[in-house]
PDB file of all heavy atoms in Angstrom:
ATOM      1  N   LEU A   1      19.982  -0.227-166.987  1.00  0.00           N
ATOM      2  CA  LEU A   1      20.531   0.554-165.824  1.00  0.00           C
ATOM      3  C   LEU A   1      20.936   1.882-166.271  1.00  0.00           C
ATOM      4  O   LEU A   1      20.670   2.887-165.628  1.00  0.00           O
ATOM      5  CB  LEU A   1      21.788  -0.241-165.386  1.00  0.00           C
ATOM      6  CG  LEU A   1      22.343   0.073-163.975  1.00  0.00           C
ATOM      7  CD1 LEU A   1      21.405  -0.333-162.872  1.00  0.00           C
ATOM      8  CD2 LEU A   1      23.645  -0.519-163.755  1.00  0.00           C
ATOM      9  N   VAL A   2      21.590   2.063-167.493  1.00  0.00           N
ATOM     10  CA  VAL A   2      21.832   3.339-168.005  1.00  0.00           C
ATOM     11  C   VAL A   2      20.670   4.201-168.382  1.00  0.00           C
ATOM     12  O   VAL A   2      20.678   5.410-168.122  1.00  0.00           O
ATOM     13  CB  VAL A   2      22.814   3.166-169.363  1.00  0.00           C
ATOM     14  CG1 VAL A   2      23.076   4.500-169.917  1.00  0.00           C
ATOM     15  CG2 VAL A   2      24.191   2.440-168.931  1.00  0.00           C
ATOM     16  N   GLU A   3      19.740   3.555-168.914  1.00  0.00           N
ATOM     17  CA  GLU A   3      18.518   4.251-169.386  1.00  0.00           C
ATOM     18  C   GLU A   3      17.434   4.658-168.264  1.00  0.00           C
ATOM     19  O   GLU A   3      16.642   5.482-168.528  1.00  0.00           O
ATOM     20  CB  GLU A   3      17.805   3.414-170.485  1.00  0.00           C
ATOM     21  CG  GLU A   3      18.583   3.249-171.768  1.00  0.00           C
ATOM     22  CD  GLU A   3      18.048   2.029-172.600  1.00  0.00           C
ATOM     23  OE1 GLU A   3      17.004   1.438-172.257  1.00  0.00           O
ATOM     24  OE2 GLU A   3      18.680   1.727-173.644  1.00  0.00           O
ATOM     25  N   ASN A   4      17.613   4.144-167.113  1.00  0.00           N
ATOM     26  CA  ASN A   4      16.869   4.394-166.033  1.00  0.00           C
ATOM     27  C   ASN A   4      17.000   5.840-165.538  1.00  0.00           C
ATOM     28  O   ASN A   4      18.074   6.250-165.178  1.00  0.00           O
ATOM     29  CB  ASN A   4      17.075   3.458-164.783  1.00  0.00           C
ATOM     30  CG  ASN A   4      16.120   3.604-163.682  1.00  0.00           C
ATOM     31  OD1 ASN A   4      15.452   4.743-163.431  1.00  0.00           O
ATOM     32  ND2 ASN A   4      15.999   2.610-162.860  1.00  0.00           N
ATOM     33  N   PRO A   5      15.904   6.729-165.646  1.00  0.00           N
ATOM     34  CA  PRO A   5      16.089   8.166-165.273  1.00  0.00           C
ATOM     35  C   PRO A   5      16.620   8.332-163.870  1.00  0.00           C
ATOM     36  O   PRO A   5      17.279   9.345-163.602  1.00  0.00           O
ATOM     37  CB  PRO A   5      14.661   8.680-165.439  1.00  0.00           C
ATOM     38  CG  PRO A   5      13.996   7.750-166.399  1.00  0.00           C
ATOM     39  CD  PRO A   5      14.584   6.360-166.166  1.00  0.00           C
ATOM     40  N   GLY A   6      16.271   7.398-163.024  1.00  0.00           N
ATOM     41  CA  GLY A   6      16.782   7.513-161.580  1.00  0.00           C
ATOM     42  C   GLY A   6      18.257   7.381-161.389  1.00  0.00           C
ATOM     43  O   GLY A   6      18.814   7.727-160.398  1.00  0.00           O
ATOM     44  N   ASN A   7      18.944   6.887-162.530  1.00  0.00           N
ATOM     45  CA  ASN A   7      20.282   6.785-162.317  1.00  0.00           C
ATOM     46  C   ASN A   7      21.173   7.821-163.109  1.00  0.00           C
ATOM     47  O   ASN A   7      22.313   7.708-163.291  1.00  0.00           O
ATOM     48  CB  ASN A   7      20.728   5.403-163.039  1.00  0.00           C
ATOM     49  CG  ASN A   7      20.321   4.118-162.183  1.00  0.00           C
ATOM     50  OD1 ASN A   7      20.197   4.287-160.944  1.00  0.00           O
ATOM     51  ND2 ASN A   7      19.991   3.083-162.811  1.00  0.00           N
ATOM     52  N   ALA A   8      20.508   8.883-163.437  1.00  0.00           N
ATOM     53  CA  ALA A   8      21.117  10.033-164.119  1.00  0.00           C
ATOM     54  C   ALA A   8      22.354  10.580-163.388  1.00  0.00           C
ATOM     55  O   ALA A   8      23.319  11.041-163.988  1.00  0.00           O
ATOM     56  CB  ALA A   8      20.154  11.121-164.544  1.00  0.00           C
ATOM     57  N   GLY A   9      22.275  10.540-162.120  1.00  0.00           N
ATOM     58  CA  GLY A   9      23.244  11.062-161.238  1.00  0.00           C
ATOM     59  C   GLY A   9      24.523  10.264-161.321  1.00  0.00           C
ATOM     60  O   GLY A   9      25.656  10.659-160.755  1.00  0.00           O
ATOM     61  N   HIS A  10      24.595   9.056-161.897  1.00  0.00           N
ATOM     62  CA  HIS A  10      25.769   8.238-161.941  1.00  0.00           C
ATOM     63  C   HIS A  10      26.536   8.518-163.287  1.00  0.00           C
ATOM     64  O   HIS A  10      27.582   7.843-163.501  1.00  0.00           O
ATOM     65  CB  HIS A  10      25.354   6.780-161.949  1.00  0.00           C
ATOM     66  CG  HIS A  10      24.719   6.366-160.610  1.00  0.00           C
ATOM     67  ND1 HIS A  10      25.406   6.498-159.420  1.00  0.00           N
ATOM     68  CD2 HIS A  10      23.494   5.798-160.335  1.00  0.00           C
ATOM     69  CE1 HIS A  10      24.669   6.036-158.339  1.00  0.00           C
ATOM     70  NE2 HIS A  10      23.518   5.640-158.915  1.00  0.00           N
ATOM     71  N   ALA A  11      26.101   9.505-164.090  1.00  0.00           N
ATOM     72  CA  ALA A  11      26.865   9.901-165.196  1.00  0.00           C
ATOM     73  C   ALA A  11      27.879  10.909-164.860  1.00  0.00           C
ATOM     74  O   ALA A  11      27.668  11.888-164.031  1.00  0.00           O
ATOM     75  CB  ALA A  11      25.980  10.508-166.291  1.00  0.00           C
ATOM     76  N   VAL A  12      29.175  10.715-165.183  1.00  0.00           N
ATOM     77  CA  VAL A  12      30.317  11.400-164.718  1.00  0.00           C
ATOM     78  C   VAL A  12      30.911  12.234-165.936  1.00  0.00           C
ATOM     79  O   VAL A  12      31.092  11.616-167.030  1.00  0.00           O
ATOM     80  CB  VAL A  12      31.445  10.602-164.063  1.00  0.00           C
ATOM     81  CG1 VAL A  12      32.532  11.387-163.386  1.00  0.00           C
ATOM     82  CG2 VAL A  12      30.677   9.612-163.063  1.00  0.00           C
ATOM     83  N   ASP A  13      31.357  13.399-165.743  1.00  0.00           N
ATOM     84  CA  ASP A  13      32.069  14.129-166.780  1.00  0.00           C
ATOM     85  C   ASP A  13      33.439  13.512-166.943  1.00  0.00           C
ATOM     86  O   ASP A  13      34.023  13.129-165.998  1.00  0.00           O
ATOM     87  CB  ASP A  13      32.263  15.678-166.387  1.00  0.00           C
ATOM     88  CG  ASP A  13      30.958  16.345-166.500  1.00  0.00           C
ATOM     89  OD1 ASP A  13      30.061  15.967-167.321  1.00  0.00           O
ATOM     90  OD2 ASP A  13      30.807  17.417-165.672  1.00  0.00           O
ATOM     91  N   VAL A  14      33.982  13.527-168.147  1.00  0.00           N
ATOM     92  CA  VAL A  14      35.306  12.876-168.408  1.00  0.00           C
ATOM     93  C   VAL A  14      36.348  13.471-167.768  1.00  0.00           C
ATOM     94  O   VAL A  14      37.355  12.890-167.226  1.00  0.00           O
ATOM     95  CB  VAL A  14      35.531  12.805-169.898  1.00  0.00           C
ATOM     96  CG1 VAL A  14      36.992  12.343-170.249  1.00  0.00           C
ATOM     97  CG2 VAL A  14      34.584  11.949-170.580  1.00  0.00           C
ATOM     98  N   ASP A  15      36.210  14.887-167.499  1.00  0.00           N
ATOM     99  CA  ASP A  15      37.351  15.535-166.705  1.00  0.00           C
ATOM    100  C   ASP A  15      37.320  15.263-165.236  1.00  0.00           C
ATOM    101  O   ASP A  15      38.227  15.722-164.579  1.00  0.00           O
ATOM    102  CB  ASP A  15      37.264  17.055-167.016  1.00  0.00           C
ATOM    103  CG  ASP A  15      36.013  17.676-166.525  1.00  0.00           C
ATOM    104  OD1 ASP A  15      35.159  17.003-165.921  1.00  0.00           O
ATOM    105  OD2 ASP A  15      35.780  18.903-166.724  1.00  0.00           O
ATOM    106  N   GLN A  16      36.374  14.437-164.772  1.00  0.00           N
ATOM    107  CA  GLN A  16      36.323  14.037-163.355  1.00  0.00           C
ATOM    108  C   GLN A  16      36.846  12.547-163.157  1.00  0.00           C
ATOM    109  O   GLN A  16      36.855  12.087-162.011  1.00  0.00           O
ATOM    110  CB  GLN A  16      34.940  14.189-162.857  1.00  0.00           C
ATOM    111  CG  GLN A  16      34.388  15.574-162.715  1.00  0.00           C
ATOM    112  CD  GLN A  16      33.001  15.606-162.193  1.00  0.00           C
ATOM    113  OE1 GLN A  16      32.082  14.913-162.705  1.00  0.00           O
ATOM    114  NE2 GLN A  16      32.806  16.369-161.077  1.00  0.00           N
ATOM    115  N   ILE A  17      37.327  12.014-164.205  1.00  0.00           N
ATOM    116  CA  ILE A  17      37.833  10.630-164.056  1.00  0.00           C
ATOM    117  C   ILE A  17      39.269  10.466-164.499  1.00  0.00           C
ATOM    118  O   ILE A  17      39.794  11.364-165.193  1.00  0.00           O
ATOM    119  CB  ILE A  17      36.952   9.592-164.875  1.00  0.00           C
ATOM    120  CG1 ILE A  17      37.222   9.808-166.392  1.00  0.00           C
ATOM    121  CG2 ILE A  17      35.431   9.773-164.537  1.00  0.00           C
ATOM    122  CD1 ILE A  17      36.582   8.621-167.180  1.00  0.00           C
ATOM    123  N   ARG A  18      39.850   9.416-164.094  1.00  0.00           N
ATOM    124  CA  ARG A  18      41.220   9.020-164.456  1.00  0.00           C
ATOM    125  C   ARG A  18      41.042   7.641-165.180  1.00  0.00           C
ATOM    126  O   ARG A  18      40.570   6.703-164.483  1.00  0.00           O
ATOM    127  CB  ARG A  18      42.226   8.908-163.385  1.00  0.00           C
ATOM    128  CG  ARG A  18      43.615   8.359-163.815  1.00  0.00           C
ATOM    129  CD  ARG A  18      44.590   8.556-162.667  1.00  0.00           C
ATOM    130  NE  ARG A  18      45.912   7.828-162.817  1.00  0.00           N
ATOM    131  CZ  ARG A  18      46.951   8.324-163.613  1.00  0.00           C
ATOM    132  NH1 ARG A  18      46.768   9.540-164.250  1.00  0.00           N
ATOM    133  NH2 ARG A  18      47.969   7.668-163.780  1.00  0.00           N
ATOM    134  N   PHE A  19      41.375   7.559-166.425  1.00  0.00           N
ATOM    135  CA  PHE A  19      41.245   6.336-167.173  1.00  0.00           C
ATOM    136  C   PHE A  19      42.310   5.371-166.643  1.00  0.00           C
ATOM    137  O   PHE A  19      43.461   5.715-166.458  1.00  0.00           O
ATOM    138  CB  PHE A  19      41.568   6.560-168.614  1.00  0.00           C
ATOM    139  CG  PHE A  19      40.313   7.075-169.413  1.00  0.00           C
ATOM    140  CD1 PHE A  19      40.212   8.544-169.447  1.00  0.00           C
ATOM    141  CD2 PHE A  19      39.413   6.291-170.019  1.00  0.00           C
ATOM    142  CE1 PHE A  19      39.082   9.042-170.088  1.00  0.00           C
ATOM    143  CE2 PHE A  19      38.386   6.804-170.755  1.00  0.00           C
ATOM    144  CZ  PHE A  19      38.288   8.261-170.784  1.00  0.00           C
ATOM    145  N   LEU A  20      41.864   4.074-166.396  1.00  0.00           N
ATOM    146  CA  LEU A  20      42.711   3.034-166.070  1.00  0.00           C
ATOM    147  C   LEU A  20      43.028   2.064-167.256  1.00  0.00           C
ATOM    148  O   LEU A  20      42.166   2.144-168.191  1.00  0.00           O
ATOM    149  CB  LEU A  20      42.202   2.190-164.863  1.00  0.00           C
ATOM    150  CG  LEU A  20      42.038   2.995-163.565  1.00  0.00           C
ATOM    151  CD1 LEU A  20      41.342   1.993-162.540  1.00  0.00           C
ATOM    152  CD2 LEU A  20      43.361   3.447-163.015  1.00  0.00           C
ATOM    153  N   PRO A  21      44.009   1.284-167.268  1.00  0.00           N
ATOM    154  CA  PRO A  21      44.139   0.233-168.307  1.00  0.00           C
ATOM    155  C   PRO A  21      42.820  -0.501-168.232  1.00  0.00           C
ATOM    156  O   PRO A  21      42.312  -0.839-167.153  1.00  0.00           O
ATOM    157  CB  PRO A  21      45.367  -0.538-167.944  1.00  0.00           C
ATOM    158  CG  PRO A  21      46.213   0.447-167.123  1.00  0.00           C
ATOM    159  CD  PRO A  21      45.218   1.327-166.337  1.00  0.00           C
ATOM    160  N   PRO A  22      42.290  -0.853-169.353  1.00  0.00           N
ATOM    161  CA  PRO A  22      40.970  -1.501-169.400  1.00  0.00           C
ATOM    162  C   PRO A  22      40.855  -2.778-168.507  1.00  0.00           C
ATOM    163  O   PRO A  22      39.791  -3.058-168.011  1.00  0.00           O
ATOM    164  CB  PRO A  22      40.727  -1.829-170.827  1.00  0.00           C
ATOM    165  CG  PRO A  22      41.585  -0.856-171.581  1.00  0.00           C
ATOM    166  CD  PRO A  22      42.778  -0.617-170.757  1.00  0.00           C
ATOM    167  N   VAL A  23      41.928  -3.586-168.507  1.00  0.00           N
ATOM    168  CA  VAL A  23      41.834  -4.816-167.706  1.00  0.00           C
ATOM    169  C   VAL A  23      43.039  -4.873-166.762  1.00  0.00           C
ATOM    170  O   VAL A  23      44.066  -4.229-166.885  1.00  0.00           O
ATOM    171  CB  VAL A  23      41.780  -6.013-168.671  1.00  0.00           C
ATOM    172  CG1 VAL A  23      40.704  -6.119-169.541  1.00  0.00           C
ATOM    173  CG2 VAL A  23      43.111  -6.166-169.541  1.00  0.00           C
ATOM    174  N   GLN A  24      42.802  -5.651-165.715  1.00  0.00           N
ATOM    175  CA  GLN A  24      43.932  -5.937-164.726  1.00  0.00           C
ATOM    176  C   GLN A  24      44.533  -7.293-165.361  1.00  0.00           C
ATOM    177  O   GLN A  24      44.051  -8.327-165.058  1.00  0.00           O
ATOM    178  CB  GLN A  24      43.295  -6.122-163.332  1.00  0.00           C
ATOM    179  CG  GLN A  24      42.749  -4.942-162.758  1.00  0.00           C
ATOM    180  CD  GLN A  24      43.659  -3.875-162.417  1.00  0.00           C
ATOM    181  OE1 GLN A  24      44.712  -4.207-161.844  1.00  0.00           O
ATOM    182  NE2 GLN A  24      43.347  -2.673-162.720  1.00  0.00           N
ATOM    183  N   LEU A  25      45.647  -7.092-165.954  1.00  0.00           N
ATOM    184  CA  LEU A  25      46.219  -8.230-166.611  1.00  0.00           C
ATOM    185  C   LEU A  25      46.657  -9.289-165.653  1.00  0.00           C
ATOM    186  O   LEU A  25      47.348  -9.086-164.608  1.00  0.00           O
ATOM    187  CB  LEU A  25      47.500  -7.740-167.443  1.00  0.00           C
ATOM    188  CG  LEU A  25      47.081  -6.933-168.744  1.00  0.00           C
ATOM    189  CD1 LEU A  25      48.322  -6.475-169.390  1.00  0.00           C
ATOM    190  CD2 LEU A  25      46.394  -7.928-169.685  1.00  0.00           C
ATOM    191  N   ARG A  26      46.418 -10.547-166.006  1.00  0.00           N
ATOM    192  CA  ARG A  26      46.819 -11.714-165.214  1.00  0.00           C
ATOM    193  C   ARG A  26      48.126 -12.353-165.795  1.00  0.00           C
ATOM    194  O   ARG A  26      48.773 -13.090-165.120  1.00  0.00           O
ATOM    195  CB  ARG A  26      45.731 -12.696-165.243  1.00  0.00           C
ATOM    196  CG  ARG A  26      44.483 -12.242-164.589  1.00  0.00           C
ATOM    197  CD  ARG A  26      43.184 -12.920-165.077  1.00  0.00           C
ATOM    198  NE  ARG A  26      42.005 -12.275-164.492  1.00  0.00           N
ATOM    199  CZ  ARG A  26      40.740 -12.525-164.930  1.00  0.00           C
ATOM    200  NH1 ARG A  26      40.543 -13.427-165.752  1.00  0.00           N
ATOM    201  NH2 ARG A  26      39.779 -11.832-164.424  1.00  0.00           N
ATOM    202  N   ARG A  27      48.517 -11.911-166.964  1.00  0.00           N
ATOM    203  CA  ARG A  27      49.799 -12.368-167.547  1.00  0.00           C
ATOM    204  C   ARG A  27      50.041 -11.330-168.689  1.00  0.00           C
ATOM    205  O   ARG A  27      49.405 -10.407-168.848  1.00  0.00           O
ATOM    206  CB  ARG A  27      49.707 -13.809-168.076  1.00  0.00           C
ATOM    207  CG  ARG A  27      48.465 -14.119-169.016  1.00  0.00           C
ATOM    208  CD  ARG A  27      48.534 -15.594-169.329  1.00  0.00           C
ATOM    209  NE  ARG A  27      47.428 -16.004-170.226  1.00  0.00           N
ATOM    210  CZ  ARG A  27      47.255 -17.277-170.794  1.00  0.00           C
ATOM    211  NH1 ARG A  27      48.164 -18.189-170.304  1.00  0.00           N
ATOM    212  NH2 ARG A  27      46.265 -17.570-171.504  1.00  0.00           N
ATOM    213  N   ASN A  28      51.231 -11.663-169.398  1.00  0.00           N
ATOM    214  CA  ASN A  28      51.728 -10.681-170.303  1.00  0.00           C
ATOM    215  C   ASN A  28      50.737 -10.484-171.465  1.00  0.00           C
ATOM    216  O   ASN A  28      49.794 -11.262-171.761  1.00  0.00           O
ATOM    217  CB  ASN A  28      52.973 -11.190-170.963  1.00  0.00           C
ATOM    218  CG  ASN A  28      54.150 -11.184-170.076  1.00  0.00           C
ATOM    219  OD1 ASN A  28      54.013 -10.950-168.854  1.00  0.00           O
ATOM    220  ND2 ASN A  28      55.397 -11.383-170.546  1.00  0.00           N
ATOM    221  N   VAL A  29      50.851  -9.286-172.153  1.00  0.00           N
ATOM    222  CA  VAL A  29      50.121  -8.943-173.346  1.00  0.00           C
ATOM    223  C   VAL A  29      50.746  -9.767-174.534  1.00  0.00           C
ATOM    224  O   VAL A  29      51.945  -9.751-174.723  1.00  0.00           O
ATOM    225  CB  VAL A  29      50.254  -7.506-173.727  1.00  0.00           C
ATOM    226  CG1 VAL A  29      49.555  -7.140-174.948  1.00  0.00           C
ATOM    227  CG2 VAL A  29      49.601  -6.684-172.524  1.00  0.00           C
TER     228      VAL A  29
END
């Protein structure tokens, strides 16, 4: 999916995103 040239438009600059916690926790860490 990443290597498909037709998907190049789905690459986003880091300054255009807000990082979320990696997982939606179901219970405590």
